């Protein structure tokens, strides 16, 4: 897991591994490119990653 989001390990550990990976990718981009706080980024990223996963038919 990305060290940047270690504080949110509990939130991420319950996710499907594909969703977790996608959420970390999205959250990292939100923090780096849009100056989101880590908390806001991970919250939004989890929602987007779950939507992405369900769109794939998961």
Protein backbone atom coordinates (compact mmCIF):
# COMPACT_ATOMS: atom_id res chain seq x y z
CA UNK A 1 0.00 0.00 0.00
CA UNK A 2 1.14 3.52 -0.68
CA UNK A 3 2.75 4.96 2.47
CA UNK A 4 0.94 8.24 1.85
CA UNK A 5 -2.33 6.60 2.91
CA UNK A 6 -1.18 4.44 5.84
CA UNK A 7 -3.58 6.31 8.14
CA UNK A 8 -6.49 4.97 6.11
CA UNK A 9 -5.40 1.32 6.15
CA UNK A 10 -8.62 0.19 7.89
CA UNK A 11 -10.77 1.90 5.27
CA UNK A 12 -8.82 0.30 2.45
CA UNK A 13 -8.33 -3.21 3.84
CA UNK A 14 -12.02 -4.04 3.54
CA UNK A 15 -12.02 -3.34 -0.20
CA UNK A 16 -11.65 -5.81 -3.03
CA UNK A 17 -7.93 -5.81 -4.04
CA UNK A 18 -8.71 -4.31 -7.47
CA UNK A 19 -10.82 -1.56 -5.92
CA UNK A 20 -8.13 -0.87 -3.33
CA UNK A 21 -5.44 -0.51 -6.00
CA UNK A 22 -7.62 1.80 -8.10
CA UNK A 23 -8.61 3.86 -5.05
CA UNK A 24 -4.95 4.41 -4.17
CA UNK A 25 -4.18 5.48 -7.73
CA UNK A 26 -7.06 7.94 -7.76
CA UNK A 27 -6.32 9.29 -4.27
CA UNK A 28 -2.67 9.87 -5.07
CA UNK A 29 -3.60 11.85 -8.19
CA UNK A 30 -6.14 13.92 -6.25
CA UNK A 31 -3.54 14.84 -3.61
CA UNK A 32 -0.76 15.57 -6.09
CA UNK A 33 -2.71 17.27 -8.87
CA UNK A 34 -5.68 18.87 -7.11
CA UNK A 35 -4.25 19.57 -3.63
CA UNK A 36 -6.93 17.51 -1.89
CA UNK A 37 -6.35 16.63 1.74
CA UNK A 38 -5.49 12.95 2.21
CA UNK A 39 -8.79 12.31 4.00
CA UNK A 40 -10.90 13.95 1.31
CA UNK A 41 -8.89 12.27 -1.45
CA UNK A 42 -9.22 8.76 -0.02
CA UNK A 43 -12.94 9.19 0.65
CA UNK A 44 -13.63 10.36 -2.90
CA UNK A 45 -11.24 7.83 -4.41
CA UNK A 46 -12.96 4.89 -2.71
CA UNK A 47 -16.32 5.97 -4.12
CA UNK A 48 -14.89 6.44 -7.62
CA UNK A 49 -12.99 3.14 -7.49
CA UNK A 50 -16.11 1.25 -6.41
CA UNK A 51 -18.07 2.85 -9.25
CA UNK A 52 -15.27 1.91 -11.66
CA UNK A 53 -15.34 -1.68 -10.41
CA UNK A 54 -19.11 -2.03 -10.68
CA UNK A 55 -19.03 -0.55 -14.19
CA UNK A 56 -16.66 -3.40 -15.09
CA UNK A 57 -19.28 -5.84 -13.88
CA UNK A 58 -17.51 -6.78 -10.64
